[in-house]
Protein backbone atom coordinates (compact mmCIF):
# COMPACT_ATOMS: atom_id res chain seq x y z
CA MET A 1 -34.11 -71.51 69.19
CA PRO A 2 -36.69 -69.99 70.83
CA THR A 3 -40.50 -68.97 69.50
CA ILE A 4 -41.14 -65.58 68.74
CA GLN A 5 -44.10 -66.09 71.83
CA ARG A 6 -40.73 -65.55 73.61
CA PHE A 7 -40.37 -61.65 72.61
CA TYR A 8 -43.87 -60.72 72.75
CA ASN A 9 -43.77 -57.28 75.32
CA ARG A 10 -46.65 -55.83 74.90
CA THR A 11 -50.71 -55.78 75.80
CA VAL A 12 -53.28 -54.77 73.49
CA THR A 13 -56.43 -54.49 72.48
CA ILE A 14 -58.03 -54.82 69.41
CA ARG A 15 -61.65 -52.86 68.52
CA ARG A 16 -62.80 -53.19 65.46
CA TYR A 17 -65.45 -51.15 63.62
CA ASN A 18 -68.99 -51.46 64.27
CA ALA A 19 -70.90 -49.88 60.87
CA GLY A 20 -74.46 -51.86 62.53
CA SER A 21 -74.37 -49.71 65.64
CA ALA A 22 -75.92 -46.35 66.35
CA GLN A 23 -72.74 -44.60 67.12
CA ARG A 24 -70.33 -46.54 64.09
CA ASP A 25 -67.09 -46.28 66.45
CA PHE A 26 -64.93 -48.74 66.52
CA SER A 27 -66.99 -50.31 69.81
CA THR A 28 -66.98 -53.88 69.25
CA VAL A 29 -63.50 -55.41 70.63
CA THR A 30 -61.94 -58.84 69.68
CA ALA A 31 -59.68 -59.34 71.92
CA SER A 32 -56.50 -58.78 74.60
CA GLN A 33 -53.30 -60.18 72.92
CA GLU A 34 -49.65 -60.19 73.78
CA THR A 35 -47.39 -58.51 71.22
CA HIS A 36 -44.85 -57.36 70.14
CA ILE A 37 -44.45 -53.70 68.60
CA GLN A 38 -41.40 -51.02 66.55
CA ARG A 39 -41.65 -48.78 64.21
CA ASP A 40 -40.51 -49.19 60.90
CA THR A 41 -38.70 -45.71 60.29
CA SER A 42 -37.52 -42.58 61.73
CA THR A 43 -39.37 -39.96 60.29
CA PRO A 44 -42.63 -39.23 59.94
CA THR A 45 -44.56 -40.96 56.09
CA ILE A 46 -47.68 -38.82 54.46
CA ASP A 47 -49.85 -40.43 53.90
CA ARG A 48 -52.66 -40.14 50.98
CA TYR A 49 -55.12 -37.69 53.21
CA GLY A 50 -52.44 -35.56 54.02
CA ALA A 51 -51.76 -35.85 57.97
CA ASN A 52 -48.69 -37.03 59.36
CA ALA A 53 -47.65 -40.95 60.53
CA ALA A 54 -46.06 -42.86 62.04
CA ILE A 55 -44.82 -46.77 60.61
CA TYR A 56 -45.38 -49.77 62.77
CA THR A 57 -45.03 -53.60 62.87
CA ALA A 58 -47.23 -56.09 65.42
CA TRP A 59 -45.97 -60.10 65.42
CA MET A 60 -48.93 -61.55 66.90
CA ASP A 61 -49.43 -65.14 67.27
CA VAL A 62 -51.61 -66.46 64.13
CA ASP A 63 -54.50 -66.95 65.57
CA ALA A 64 -55.27 -63.60 67.02
CA ASP A 65 -58.68 -62.37 65.85
CA ILE A 66 -56.91 -59.97 63.04
CA LYS A 67 -58.05 -57.85 60.36
CA HIS A 68 -57.30 -54.64 57.99
CA GLY A 69 -59.48 -51.87 59.60
CA ASP A 70 -59.27 -53.18 63.12
CA MET A 71 -57.28 -50.22 65.31
CA VAL A 72 -54.99 -51.52 67.59
CA VAL A 73 -55.06 -49.44 71.82
CA ASP A 74 -51.92 -51.08 73.50
CA THR A 75 -51.58 -50.28 77.59
CA ASP A 76 -50.02 -46.37 76.53
CA GLY A 77 -52.70 -45.24 75.20
CA LEU A 78 -51.59 -45.21 71.61
CA VAL A 79 -53.85 -46.02 69.27
CA TYR A 80 -52.48 -47.85 65.48
CA LYS A 81 -54.53 -48.31 62.75
CA VAL A 82 -53.85 -51.67 60.79
CA THR A 83 -52.92 -51.78 57.25
CA GLY A 84 -52.08 -54.72 56.87
CA VAL A 85 -51.99 -58.79 58.12
CA ILE A 86 -49.70 -61.88 56.21
CA LYS A 87 -49.17 -65.46 58.57
CA GLN A 88 -45.52 -66.02 58.16
CA GLY A 89 -44.15 -69.13 58.68
CA GLN A 90 -47.15 -71.19 58.36
CA ASP A 91 -46.75 -74.85 58.82
CA THR A 92 -42.70 -74.42 60.54
CA ALA A 93 -43.42 -75.72 63.61
CA ILE A 94 -42.49 -72.70 66.52
CA ASN A 95 -42.44 -70.22 64.58
CA GLU A 96 -45.99 -69.25 63.02
CA HIS A 97 -47.20 -65.61 63.69
CA LYS A 98 -48.61 -62.85 62.17
CA GLU A 99 -46.91 -59.99 60.86
CA VAL A 100 -49.00 -57.09 61.59
CA PHE A 101 -48.55 -53.64 59.25
CA MET A 102 -50.44 -50.43 61.22
CA ARG A 103 -49.78 -46.45 61.37
CA GLN A 104 -49.94 -44.29 64.33
CA TYR A 105 -51.32 -40.74 64.01
CA ASP A 106 -50.30 -36.87 65.48
CA LYS A 107 -52.83 -36.50 67.85
């Protein structure tokens, strides 16, 4: 069985909100991470603020420094907001990974 890393086809930058900075923005970069991103729905959803959003799932290394609220920016400049992170396959050898749930909002 091939490892999950074989399917990683995109490099993203993970940004974390920096409440201590003067700008209070997502200026802290935690890592560049190899990942695979896939859209979950073909139709846009509406979040609680009334904005159109598309739901995506990303698969990353189990050691990736990512958590709820982070921003993910891919090499095409698309920005996603992390809405959830789950560790999958714990203690199952080659396929341990993080499943990351994200939203991408219309510009």
